[in-house]
Amino acid sequence: MAGRNKWISLGVLALLIALLPLFFPSGYYYRVGALIFVNALSVVGLVILIGYAGQISLGHAGFAGIGAYACALAPEHLGLHPALAVLLGAVVSGVMAALIGKPILRLKGYYLAVATLGFGILVSMVLTNERALTGGPDGMNVADLGLRDLLRDMGWRLSGGEFWYMICGVVLLIGAWLALNLFDSPSGRAMRALHGSEVAAATVGVDVPRQKLRAFVISAVYASVAGSLLALQNGYITPDVAGFMHSVEMVTMAVLGGVGSVLGATFGAAILTLLPQVLTVFAEYEQLVLGLVMVLVMIFLPQGLLPSIARRLRGRGE
């Protein structure tokens, strides 16, 4: 049953990615779709950390910032291809997560949230203040990936929006597949045991610190790759990518869609990415409406939008 649900989730996600362009009236919507996929990828990482392992992080935008600036700095200073810079950013983020995760994951509750928040703020401050290296608040240019030209030589003529829609969609599918495979693996079951009770998990032989650290490192790599994709897509990056509000947005997307569900997290990322586009006519009240939506979801659909809707539909079917 679990294996069938995994393939259903992947099939639904792949179908949506393939069919949505049929309803796009202009190239702008490809850009919005690619942004949704980037946000969804970082949120899938939070599903592993929060939904599987039951740990909270308010500083994951810091890892997105590391991935983004790796794509800006590595080609310029190290001569790396941007694709290799994505890999470098993921490795650096994973190592950083392993180093800081050992001490801070001993904390629980709001102590853990504050500790991860401090890490995110620290990364944002470094990116903002190191003007000679990062360009400071003004940001810096990011080298072109070059893959679009290669596809053009092969006869695939894609606009910029179509190209990034395809790339980000494929990466999201790979990330979702890995997360769903982890869910059913021995490590995934051990992580999910932590979510219920760390004490109970320890009594049945789960190495609690190791599994918490593993979830933290994996989610950091997801955030880093998402940050790299955002930088490469925009061709420009600023320290805002590592800002506190970006971390809050990531957690909000996860909670809104359903923090225990990969498909739900993707749905939450889509909703929160699209709402500002829809609410441009209410620009002065955008934050108010977003806040109201979140409050209503938490009151009436505490498990998140997609899991709550699915549960109610199953209830009616029975």
C-alpha atoms as a PDB file:
ATOM      1  CA  MET A   1       0.000   0.000   0.000  1.00  0.00           C
ATOM      2  CA  ALA A   2       2.783   2.423   0.931  1.00  0.00           C
ATOM      3  CA  GLY A   3       4.638   1.661  -2.295  1.00  0.00           C
ATOM      4  CA  ARG A   4       1.481   2.222  -4.337  1.00  0.00           C
ATOM      5  CA  ASN A   5       0.850   5.568  -2.618  1.00  0.00           C
ATOM      6  CA  LYS A   6       4.409   6.628  -3.444  1.00  0.00           C
ATOM      7  CA  TRP A   7       3.908   6.010  -7.158  1.00  0.00           C
ATOM      8  CA  ILE A   8       0.482   7.658  -7.092  1.00  0.00           C
ATOM      9  CA  SER A   9       1.981  10.792  -5.545  1.00  0.00           C
ATOM     10  CA  LEU A  10       4.806  10.863  -8.088  1.00  0.00           C
ATOM     11  CA  GLY A  11       2.375  10.203 -10.937  1.00  0.00           C
ATOM     12  CA  VAL A  12       0.086  13.040  -9.878  1.00  0.00           C
ATOM     13  CA  LEU A  13       3.038  15.424  -9.549  1.00  0.00           C
ATOM     14  CA  ALA A  14       4.487  14.416 -12.928  1.00  0.00           C
ATOM     15  CA  LEU A  15       1.086  14.758 -14.585  1.00  0.00           C
ATOM     16  CA  LEU A  16       0.582  18.238 -13.170  1.00  0.00           C
ATOM     17  CA  ILE A  17       4.041  19.359 -14.298  1.00  0.00           C
ATOM     18  CA  ALA A  18       3.426  17.989 -17.809  1.00  0.00           C
ATOM     19  CA  LEU A  19      -0.130  19.307 -18.280  1.00  0.00           C
ATOM     20  CA  LEU A  20      -0.019  22.742 -16.648  1.00  0.00           C
ATOM     21  CA  PRO A  21       1.723  24.426 -19.627  1.00  0.00           C
ATOM     22  CA  LEU A  22      -1.353  23.634 -21.731  1.00  0.00           C
ATOM     23  CA  PHE A  23      -3.205  26.279 -19.705  1.00  0.00           C
ATOM     24  CA  PHE A  24      -0.494  28.971 -19.706  1.00  0.00           C
ATOM     25  CA  PRO A  25      -1.630  32.045 -21.667  1.00  0.00           C
ATOM     26  CA  SER A  26       1.883  33.551 -21.789  1.00  0.00           C
ATOM     27  CA  GLY A  27       5.548  32.857 -21.063  1.00  0.00           C
ATOM     28  CA  TYR A  28       5.291  34.650 -17.709  1.00  0.00           C
ATOM     29  CA  TYR A  29       3.462  31.663 -16.245  1.00  0.00           C
ATOM     30  CA  TYR A  30       6.411  29.398 -16.989  1.00  0.00           C
ATOM     31  CA  ARG A  31       8.509  31.622 -14.713  1.00  0.00           C
ATOM     32  CA  VAL A  32       5.887  31.432 -11.970  1.00  0.00           C
ATOM     33  CA  GLY A  33       5.696  27.646 -12.370  1.00  0.00           C
ATOM     34  CA  ALA A  34       9.482  27.327 -12.095  1.00  0.00           C
ATOM     35  CA  LEU A  35       9.425  29.459  -8.929  1.00  0.00           C
ATOM     36  CA  ILE A  36       6.750  27.178  -7.459  1.00  0.00           C
ATOM     37  CA  PHE A  37       8.933  24.137  -8.171  1.00  0.00           C
ATOM     38  CA  VAL A  38      11.966  25.784  -6.541  1.00  0.00           C
ATOM     39  CA  ASN A  39       9.972  26.638  -3.425  1.00  0.00           C
ATOM     40  CA  ALA A  40       8.428  23.177  -3.375  1.00  0.00           C
ATOM     41  CA  LEU A  41      11.875  21.561  -3.481  1.00  0.00           C
ATOM     42  CA  SER A  42      13.032  23.437  -0.375  1.00  0.00           C
ATOM     43  CA  VAL A  43       9.732  22.614   1.363  1.00  0.00           C
ATOM     44  CA  VAL A  44      10.113  18.889   0.578  1.00  0.00           C
ATOM     45  CA  GLY A  45      13.362  19.095   2.526  1.00  0.00           C
ATOM     46  CA  LEU A  46      11.442  20.538   5.458  1.00  0.00           C
ATOM     47  CA  VAL A  47       8.955  17.676   5.197  1.00  0.00           C
ATOM     48  CA  ILE A  48      11.871  15.333   5.926  1.00  0.00           C
ATOM     49  CA  LEU A  49      13.031  17.444   8.862  1.00  0.00           C
ATOM     50  CA  ILE A  50       9.698  18.503  10.395  1.00  0.00           C
ATOM     51  CA  GLY A  51       7.209  15.967   9.057  1.00  0.00           C
ATOM     52  CA  TYR A  52       9.390  12.862   9.345  1.00  0.00           C
ATOM     53  CA  ALA A  53      11.811  13.626  12.193  1.00  0.00           C
ATOM     54  CA  GLY A  54       9.716  16.156  14.133  1.00  0.00           C
ATOM     55  CA  GLN A  55      12.471  18.808  14.317  1.00  0.00           C
ATOM     56  CA  ILE A  56      11.896  22.511  13.653  1.00  0.00           C
ATOM     57  CA  SER A  57      14.126  24.956  11.794  1.00  0.00           C
ATOM     58  CA  LEU A  58      13.675  28.684  11.297  1.00  0.00           C
ATOM     59  CA  GLY A  59      17.020  29.175   9.599  1.00  0.00           C
ATOM     60  CA  HIS A  60      16.867  26.951   6.536  1.00  0.00           C
ATOM     61  CA  ALA A  61      17.038  29.961   4.232  1.00  0.00           C
ATOM     62  CA  GLY A  62      20.677  30.149   5.310  1.00  0.00           C
ATOM     63  CA  PHE A  63      21.357  26.914   3.410  1.00  0.00           C
ATOM     64  CA  ALA A  64      19.447  28.288   0.418  1.00  0.00           C
ATOM     65  CA  GLY A  65      21.759  31.306   0.586  1.00  0.00           C
ATOM     66  CA  ILE A  66      24.844  29.058   0.622  1.00  0.00           C
ATOM     67  CA  GLY A  67      23.609  27.226  -2.475  1.00  0.00           C
ATOM     68  CA  ALA A  68      22.698  30.453  -4.262  1.00  0.00           C
ATOM     69  CA  TYR A  69      26.002  32.199  -3.614  1.00  0.00           C
ATOM     70  CA  ALA A  70      27.955  29.053  -4.488  1.00  0.00           C
ATOM     71  CA  CYS A  71      26.556  29.431  -8.013  1.00  0.00           C
ATOM     72  CA  ALA A  72      27.609  33.082  -8.049  1.00  0.00           C
ATOM     73  CA  LEU A  73      31.055  32.796  -6.435  1.00  0.00           C
ATOM     74  CA  ALA A  74      32.417  29.431  -7.578  1.00  0.00           C
ATOM     75  CA  PRO A  75      32.351  30.137 -11.355  1.00  0.00           C
ATOM     76  CA  GLU A  76      33.906  33.564 -10.813  1.00  0.00           C
ATOM     77  CA  HIS A  77      36.619  32.716  -8.282  1.00  0.00           C
ATOM     78  CA  LEU A  78      37.206  28.987  -8.787  1.00  0.00           C
ATOM     79  CA  GLY A  79      36.414  28.669 -12.483  1.00  0.00           C
ATOM     80  CA  LEU A  80      33.830  25.951 -11.854  1.00  0.00           C
ATOM     81  CA  HIS A  81      30.962  25.279 -14.232  1.00  0.00           C
ATOM     82  CA  PRO A  82      27.654  26.470 -12.684  1.00  0.00           C
ATOM     83  CA  ALA A  83      26.374  22.866 -12.598  1.00  0.00           C
ATOM     84  CA  LEU A  84      29.393  21.874 -10.493  1.00  0.00           C
ATOM     85  CA  ALA A  85      28.793  24.944  -8.347  1.00  0.00           C
ATOM     86  CA  VAL A  86      25.336  23.534  -7.494  1.00  0.00           C
ATOM     87  CA  LEU A  87      27.045  20.352  -6.298  1.00  0.00           C
ATOM     88  CA  LEU A  88      29.634  22.355  -4.361  1.00  0.00           C
ATOM     89  CA  GLY A  89      26.905  24.366  -2.630  1.00  0.00           C
ATOM     90  CA  ALA A  90      25.081  21.165  -1.671  1.00  0.00           C
ATOM     91  CA  VAL A  91      28.266  19.655  -0.228  1.00  0.00           C
ATOM     92  CA  VAL A  92      29.128  22.818   1.719  1.00  0.00           C
ATOM     93  CA  SER A  93      25.563  23.027   3.057  1.00  0.00           C
ATOM     94  CA  GLY A  94      25.604  19.372   4.069  1.00  0.00           C
ATOM     95  CA  VAL A  95      28.942  19.717   5.867  1.00  0.00           C
ATOM     96  CA  MET A  96      27.790  22.924   7.561  1.00  0.00           C
ATOM     97  CA  ALA A  97      24.554  21.253   8.652  1.00  0.00           C
ATOM     98  CA  ALA A  98      26.511  18.316  10.083  1.00  0.00           C
ATOM     99  CA  LEU A  99      28.828  20.637  12.024  1.00  0.00           C
ATOM    100  CA  ILE A 100      26.156  22.883  13.537  1.00  0.00           C
ATOM    101  CA  GLY A 101      23.571  20.125  13.816  1.00  0.00           C
ATOM    102  CA  LYS A 102      25.456  18.104  16.420  1.00  0.00           C
ATOM    103  CA  PRO A 103      25.260  20.787  19.127  1.00  0.00           C
ATOM    104  CA  ILE A 104      21.962  22.503  18.278  1.00  0.00           C
ATOM    105  CA  LEU A 105      19.912  19.341  17.718  1.00  0.00           C
ATOM    106  CA  ARG A 106      20.416  18.519  21.398  1.00  0.00           C
ATOM    107  CA  LEU A 107      17.938  21.343  22.009  1.00  0.00           C
ATOM    108  CA  LYS A 108      14.180  20.932  21.784  1.00  0.00           C
ATOM    109  CA  GLY A 109      11.114  23.042  21.118  1.00  0.00           C
ATOM    110  CA  TYR A 110      11.536  26.780  20.875  1.00  0.00           C
ATOM    111  CA  TYR A 111      15.186  26.513  22.001  1.00  0.00           C
ATOM    112  CA  LEU A 112      15.907  24.575  18.800  1.00  0.00           C
ATOM    113  CA  ALA A 113      13.880  27.061  16.742  1.00  0.00           C
ATOM    114  CA  VAL A 114      15.865  30.001  18.142  1.00  0.00           C
ATOM    115  CA  ALA A 115      19.196  28.236  17.576  1.00  0.00           C
ATOM    116  CA  THR A 116      18.405  27.518  13.908  1.00  0.00           C
ATOM    117  CA  LEU A 117      17.109  31.072  13.549  1.00  0.00           C
ATOM    118  CA  GLY A 118      20.476  32.337  14.783  1.00  0.00           C
ATOM    119  CA  PHE A 119      22.277  30.324  12.102  1.00  0.00           C
ATOM    120  CA  GLY A 120      20.088  31.767   9.353  1.00  0.00           C
ATOM    121  CA  ILE A 121      20.613  35.319  10.594  1.00  0.00           C
ATOM    122  CA  LEU A 122      24.377  34.738  10.770  1.00  0.00           C
ATOM    123  CA  VAL A 123      24.538  33.568   7.137  1.00  0.00           C
ATOM    124  CA  SER A 124      22.407  36.522   6.032  1.00  0.00           C
ATOM    125  CA  MET A 125      24.666  38.970   7.898  1.00  0.00           C
ATOM    126  CA  VAL A 126      27.821  37.519   6.329  1.00  0.00           C
ATOM    127  CA  LEU A 127      26.347  37.749   2.833  1.00  0.00           C
ATOM    128  CA  THR A 128      25.227  41.329   3.475  1.00  0.00           C
ATOM    129  CA  ASN A 129      28.404  42.640   5.086  1.00  0.00           C
ATOM    130  CA  GLU A 130      31.101  40.980   2.964  1.00  0.00           C
ATOM    131  CA  ARG A 131      30.710  43.505   0.158  1.00  0.00           C
ATOM    132  CA  ALA A 132      34.039  42.748  -1.491  1.00  0.00           C
ATOM    133  CA  LEU A 133      33.095  39.109  -1.986  1.00  0.00           C
ATOM    134  CA  THR A 134      29.291  39.015  -2.245  1.00  0.00           C
ATOM    135  CA  GLY A 135      28.415  42.525  -3.429  1.00  0.00           C
ATOM    136  CA  GLY A 136      26.676  43.268  -0.137  1.00  0.00           C
ATOM    137  CA  PRO A 137      22.964  44.216  -0.150  1.00  0.00           C
ATOM    138  CA  ASP A 138      23.133  44.954  -3.893  1.00  0.00           C
ATOM    139  CA  GLY A 139      23.875  41.314  -4.653  1.00  0.00           C
ATOM    140  CA  MET A 140      25.787  39.936  -7.622  1.00  0.00           C
ATOM    141  CA  ASN A 141      25.354  38.379 -11.045  1.00  0.00           C
ATOM    142  CA  VAL A 142      25.183  34.625 -11.516  1.00  0.00           C
ATOM    143  CA  ALA A 143      26.795  32.855 -14.471  1.00  0.00           C
ATOM    144  CA  ASP A 144      24.555  31.258 -17.095  1.00  0.00           C
ATOM    145  CA  LEU A 145      24.133  27.493 -16.872  1.00  0.00           C
ATOM    146  CA  GLY A 146      24.832  27.065 -20.593  1.00  0.00           C
ATOM    147  CA  LEU A 147      22.551  24.039 -20.924  1.00  0.00           C
ATOM    148  CA  ARG A 148      19.961  25.989 -22.895  1.00  0.00           C
ATOM    149  CA  ASP A 149      22.488  26.627 -25.673  1.00  0.00           C
ATOM    150  CA  LEU A 150      23.347  22.933 -25.740  1.00  0.00           C
ATOM    151  CA  LEU A 151      19.669  22.028 -26.132  1.00  0.00           C
ATOM    152  CA  ARG A 152      19.338  24.606 -28.911  1.00  0.00           C
ATOM    153  CA  ASP A 153      22.211  22.938 -30.776  1.00  0.00           C
ATOM    154  CA  MET A 154      20.318  19.653 -30.433  1.00  0.00           C
ATOM    155  CA  GLY A 155      17.223  21.204 -32.003  1.00  0.00           C
ATOM    156  CA  TRP A 156      15.276  22.018 -28.819  1.00  0.00           C
ATOM    157  CA  ARG A 157      14.394  25.709 -29.006  1.00  0.00           C
ATOM    158  CA  LEU A 158      13.045  26.721 -25.622  1.00  0.00           C
ATOM    159  CA  SER A 159      12.398  30.165 -24.210  1.00  0.00           C
ATOM    160  CA  GLY A 160      14.006  31.058 -20.897  1.00  0.00           C
ATOM    161  CA  GLY A 161      10.773  30.434 -19.007  1.00  0.00           C
ATOM    162  CA  GLU A 162      10.136  27.074 -20.700  1.00  0.00           C
ATOM    163  CA  PHE A 163      13.710  25.947 -20.062  1.00  0.00           C
ATOM    164  CA  TRP A 164      13.644  26.716 -16.341  1.00  0.00           C
ATOM    165  CA  TYR A 165      10.152  25.264 -15.983  1.00  0.00           C
ATOM    166  CA  MET A 166      11.476  21.986 -17.399  1.00  0.00           C
ATOM    167  CA  ILE A 167      14.693  21.965 -15.343  1.00  0.00           C
ATOM    168  CA  CYS A 168      13.030  22.883 -12.036  1.00  0.00           C
ATOM    169  CA  GLY A 169      10.179  20.440 -12.659  1.00  0.00           C
ATOM    170  CA  VAL A 170      12.583  17.554 -13.274  1.00  0.00           C
ATOM    171  CA  VAL A 171      14.658  18.399 -10.180  1.00  0.00           C
ATOM    172  CA  LEU A 172      11.482  18.594  -8.072  1.00  0.00           C
ATOM    173  CA  LEU A 173      10.386  15.169  -9.310  1.00  0.00           C
ATOM    174  CA  ILE A 174      13.784  13.710  -8.398  1.00  0.00           C
ATOM    175  CA  GLY A 175      13.645  15.356  -4.959  1.00  0.00           C
ATOM    176  CA  ALA A 176      10.103  14.091  -4.351  1.00  0.00           C
ATOM    177  CA  TRP A 177      11.085  10.576  -5.441  1.00  0.00           C
ATOM    178  CA  LEU A 178      14.047  10.539  -3.047  1.00  0.00           C
ATOM    179  CA  ALA A 179      11.903  11.841  -0.163  1.00  0.00           C
ATOM    180  CA  LEU A 180       9.165   9.263  -0.786  1.00  0.00           C
ATOM    181  CA  ASN A 181      11.742   6.473  -0.991  1.00  0.00           C
ATOM    182  CA  LEU A 182      13.225   7.671   2.294  1.00  0.00           C
ATOM    183  CA  PHE A 183       9.759   7.517   3.891  1.00  0.00           C
ATOM    184  CA  ASP A 184       9.572   3.738   3.389  1.00  0.00           C
ATOM    185  CA  SER A 185      13.242   3.010   4.124  1.00  0.00           C
ATOM    186  CA  PRO A 186      14.615   1.826   7.505  1.00  0.00           C
ATOM    187  CA  SER A 187      16.121   5.294   8.055  1.00  0.00           C
ATOM    188  CA  GLY A 188      12.803   6.930   7.218  1.00  0.00           C
ATOM    189  CA  ARG A 189      10.930   4.709   9.656  1.00  0.00           C
ATOM    190  CA  ALA A 190      13.503   5.529  12.328  1.00  0.00           C
ATOM    191  CA  MET A 191      13.064   9.264  11.661  1.00  0.00           C
ATOM    192  CA  ARG A 192       9.286   8.959  11.863  1.00  0.00           C
ATOM    193  CA  ALA A 193       9.633   7.164  15.172  1.00  0.00           C
ATOM    194  CA  LEU A 194      11.302  10.321  16.524  1.00  0.00           C
ATOM    195  CA  HIS A 195       8.265  12.355  15.555  1.00  0.00           C
ATOM    196  CA  GLY A 196       6.062  10.343  17.889  1.00  0.00           C
ATOM    197  CA  SER A 197       8.412  10.126  20.859  1.00  0.00           C
ATOM    198  CA  GLU A 198      12.205  10.314  21.037  1.00  0.00           C
ATOM    199  CA  VAL A 199      12.186   8.332  24.287  1.00  0.00           C
ATOM    200  CA  ALA A 200      10.067   5.545  22.791  1.00  0.00           C
ATOM    201  CA  ALA A 201      12.247   5.517  19.660  1.00  0.00           C
ATOM    202  CA  ALA A 202      15.396   5.183  21.777  1.00  0.00           C
ATOM    203  CA  THR A 203      13.932   2.258  23.740  1.00  0.00           C
ATOM    204  CA  VAL A 204      13.444   0.243  20.531  1.00  0.00           C
ATOM    205  CA  GLY A 205      17.024   0.839  19.386  1.00  0.00           C
ATOM    206  CA  VAL A 206      16.821   3.987  17.259  1.00  0.00           C
ATOM    207  CA  ASP A 207      20.000   6.098  17.365  1.00  0.00           C
ATOM    208  CA  VAL A 208      18.152   9.346  18.067  1.00  0.00           C
ATOM    209  CA  PRO A 209      21.019  11.881  17.641  1.00  0.00           C
ATOM    210  CA  ARG A 210      22.174  10.219  14.441  1.00  0.00           C
ATOM    211  CA  GLN A 211      18.719  10.181  12.843  1.00  0.00           C
ATOM    212  CA  LYS A 212      18.016  13.785  13.836  1.00  0.00           C
ATOM    213  CA  LEU A 213      21.328  14.867  12.326  1.00  0.00           C
ATOM    214  CA  ARG A 214      20.669  12.841   9.169  1.00  0.00           C
ATOM    215  CA  ALA A 215      17.295  14.535   8.646  1.00  0.00           C
ATOM    216  CA  PHE A 216      18.864  17.955   9.250  1.00  0.00           C
ATOM    217  CA  VAL A 217      21.659  17.366   6.723  1.00  0.00           C
ATOM    218  CA  ILE A 218      19.324  16.005   4.042  1.00  0.00           C
ATOM    219  CA  SER A 219      16.913  18.930   4.414  1.00  0.00           C
ATOM    220  CA  ALA A 220      19.851  21.367   4.231  1.00  0.00           C
ATOM    221  CA  VAL A 221      20.948  19.851   0.914  1.00  0.00           C
ATOM    222  CA  TYR A 222      17.412  20.239  -0.456  1.00  0.00           C
ATOM    223  CA  ALA A 223      17.373  23.914   0.559  1.00  0.00           C
ATOM    224  CA  SER A 224      20.822  24.466  -0.977  1.00  0.00           C
ATOM    225  CA  VAL A 225      19.853  22.986  -4.346  1.00  0.00           C
ATOM    226  CA  ALA A 226      16.657  25.070  -4.330  1.00  0.00           C
ATOM    227  CA  GLY A 227      18.704  28.204  -3.639  1.00  0.00           C
ATOM    228  CA  SER A 228      21.074  27.325  -6.492  1.00  0.00           C
ATOM    229  CA  LEU A 229      18.195  26.864  -8.922  1.00  0.00           C
ATOM    230  CA  LEU A 230      16.714  30.195  -7.876  1.00  0.00           C
ATOM    231  CA  ALA A 231      20.043  31.961  -8.457  1.00  0.00           C
ATOM    232  CA  LEU A 232      20.634  30.340 -11.848  1.00  0.00           C
ATOM    233  CA  GLN A 233      17.094  31.044 -12.981  1.00  0.00           C
ATOM    234  CA  ASN A 234      17.174  34.729 -12.033  1.00  0.00           C
ATOM    235  CA  GLY A 235      20.770  35.309 -13.121  1.00  0.00           C
ATOM    236  CA  TYR A 236      21.155  37.547 -10.083  1.00  0.00           C
ATOM    237  CA  ILE A 237      21.083  37.004  -6.325  1.00  0.00           C
ATOM    238  CA  THR A 238      20.867  39.150  -3.185  1.00  0.00           C
ATOM    239  CA  PRO A 239      21.197  38.295   0.537  1.00  0.00           C
ATOM    240  CA  ASP A 240      17.390  38.243   0.793  1.00  0.00           C
ATOM    241  CA  VAL A 241      17.529  34.601  -0.273  1.00  0.00           C
ATOM    242  CA  ALA A 242      19.034  33.823   3.162  1.00  0.00           C
ATOM    243  CA  GLY A 243      16.793  36.223   5.073  1.00  0.00           C
ATOM    244  CA  PHE A 244      14.595  35.392   8.039  1.00  0.00           C
ATOM    245  CA  MET A 245      11.376  35.984   6.098  1.00  0.00           C
ATOM    246  CA  HIS A 246      12.415  33.420   3.506  1.00  0.00           C
ATOM    247  CA  SER A 247      12.835  30.835   6.284  1.00  0.00           C
ATOM    248  CA  VAL A 248       9.393  31.722   7.643  1.00  0.00           C
ATOM    249  CA  GLU A 249       7.884  31.405   4.165  1.00  0.00           C
ATOM    250  CA  MET A 250       9.403  27.938   3.761  1.00  0.00           C
ATOM    251  CA  VAL A 251       7.989  26.692   7.070  1.00  0.00           C
ATOM    252  CA  THR A 252       4.635  28.322   6.316  1.00  0.00           C
ATOM    253  CA  MET A 253       4.425  26.575   2.943  1.00  0.00           C
ATOM    254  CA  ALA A 254       5.130  23.227   4.610  1.00  0.00           C
ATOM    255  CA  VAL A 255       2.542  23.736   7.329  1.00  0.00           C
ATOM    256  CA  LEU A 256      -0.054  25.162   4.941  1.00  0.00           C
ATOM    257  CA  GLY A 257       0.000  22.229   2.537  1.00  0.00           C
ATOM    258  CA  GLY A 258       0.633  19.494   5.086  1.00  0.00           C
ATOM    259  CA  VAL A 259       4.029  19.052   6.686  1.00  0.00           C
ATOM    260  CA  GLY A 260       3.817  15.259   6.696  1.00  0.00           C
ATOM    261  CA  SER A 261       3.088  14.946   2.976  1.00  0.00           C
ATOM    262  CA  VAL A 262       5.415  15.523   0.020  1.00  0.00           C
ATOM    263  CA  LEU A 263       2.484  16.210  -2.277  1.00  0.00           C
ATOM    264  CA  GLY A 264       0.893  18.431   0.380  1.00  0.00           C
ATOM    265  CA  ALA A 265       4.089  20.435   0.791  1.00  0.00           C
ATOM    266  CA  THR A 266       4.196  20.993  -2.969  1.00  0.00           C
ATOM    267  CA  PHE A 267       0.577  22.128  -2.837  1.00  0.00           C
ATOM    268  CA  GLY A 268       1.382  24.539   0.006  1.00  0.00           C
ATOM    269  CA  ALA A 269       4.322  25.958  -1.950  1.00  0.00           C
ATOM    270  CA  ALA A 270       2.067  26.508  -4.959  1.00  0.00           C
ATOM    271  CA  ILE A 271      -0.614  28.262  -2.898  1.00  0.00           C
ATOM    272  CA  LEU A 272       1.769  30.604  -1.089  1.00  0.00           C
ATOM    273  CA  THR A 273       3.707  31.387  -4.273  1.00  0.00           C
ATOM    274  CA  LEU A 274       0.565  32.132  -6.271  1.00  0.00           C
ATOM    275  CA  LEU A 275      -1.325  34.147  -3.641  1.00  0.00           C
ATOM    276  CA  PRO A 276       0.889  37.266  -3.917  1.00  0.00           C
ATOM    277  CA  GLN A 277       0.407  37.144  -7.703  1.00  0.00           C
ATOM    278  CA  VAL A 278      -3.368  36.925  -7.302  1.00  0.00           C
ATOM    279  CA  LEU A 279      -3.511  39.569  -4.573  1.00  0.00           C
ATOM    280  CA  THR A 280      -1.697  42.282  -6.507  1.00  0.00           C
ATOM    281  CA  VAL A 281      -5.014  44.107  -6.819  1.00  0.00           C
ATOM    282  CA  PHE A 282      -5.072  44.208  -3.000  1.00  0.00           C
ATOM    283  CA  ALA A 283      -1.421  45.205  -2.669  1.00  0.00           C
ATOM    284  CA  GLU A 284      -2.010  47.206   0.514  1.00  0.00           C
ATOM    285  CA  TYR A 285      -3.728  44.268   2.198  1.00  0.00           C
ATOM    286  CA  GLU A 286      -1.649  41.393   0.827  1.00  0.00           C
ATOM    287  CA  GLN A 287       0.033  40.491   4.133  1.00  0.00           C
ATOM    288  CA  LEU A 288      -3.289  40.800   5.970  1.00  0.00           C
ATOM    289  CA  VAL A 289      -5.007  38.370   3.595  1.00  0.00           C
ATOM    290  CA  LEU A 290      -2.089  35.924   3.725  1.00  0.00           C
ATOM    291  CA  GLY A 291      -2.138  36.002   7.518  1.00  0.00           C
ATOM    292  CA  LEU A 292      -5.895  35.476   7.586  1.00  0.00           C
ATOM    293  CA  VAL A 293      -5.615  32.473   5.272  1.00  0.00           C
ATOM    294  CA  MET A 294      -2.984  30.914   7.539  1.00  0.00           C
ATOM    295  CA  VAL A 295      -5.043  31.476  10.694  1.00  0.00           C
ATOM    296  CA  LEU A 296      -8.129  29.906   9.113  1.00  0.00           C
ATOM    297  CA  VAL A 297      -6.159  26.891   7.882  1.00  0.00           C
ATOM    298  CA  MET A 298      -4.605  26.313  11.311  1.00  0.00           C
ATOM    299  CA  ILE A 299      -8.016  26.526  13.018  1.00  0.00           C
ATOM    300  CA  PHE A 300     -10.114  24.450  10.613  1.00  0.00           C
ATOM    301  CA  LEU A 301      -7.502  22.299   8.815  1.00  0.00           C
ATOM    302  CA  PRO A 302      -4.716  21.765  11.377  1.00  0.00           C
ATOM    303  CA  GLN A 303      -3.118  18.890   9.438  1.00  0.00           C
ATOM    304  CA  GLY A 304      -2.657  21.105   6.385  1.00  0.00           C
ATOM    305  CA  LEU A 305      -4.808  21.688   3.333  1.00  0.00           C
ATOM    306  CA  LEU A 306      -4.159  18.592   1.229  1.00  0.00           C
ATOM    307  CA  PRO A 307      -4.157  15.909   3.992  1.00  0.00           C
ATOM    308  CA  SER A 308      -7.296  17.421   5.577  1.00  0.00           C
ATOM    309  CA  ILE A 309      -9.124  17.573   2.249  1.00  0.00           C
ATOM    310  CA  ALA A 310      -8.078  13.997   1.382  1.00  0.00           C
ATOM    311  CA  ARG A 311      -9.216  12.750   4.793  1.00  0.00           C
ATOM    312  CA  ARG A 312     -12.632  14.370   4.445  1.00  0.00           C
ATOM    313  CA  LEU A 313     -13.088  12.941   0.939  1.00  0.00           C
ATOM    314  CA  ARG A 314     -12.215   9.456   2.205  1.00  0.00           C
ATOM    315  CA  GLY A 315     -14.704   9.939   5.036  1.00  0.00           C
ATOM    316  CA  ARG A 316     -17.468  10.763   2.596  1.00  0.00           C
ATOM    317  CA  GLY A 317     -16.544   7.810   0.423  1.00  0.00           C
ATOM    318  CA  GLU A 318     -16.953   5.438   3.338  1.00  0.00           C
END
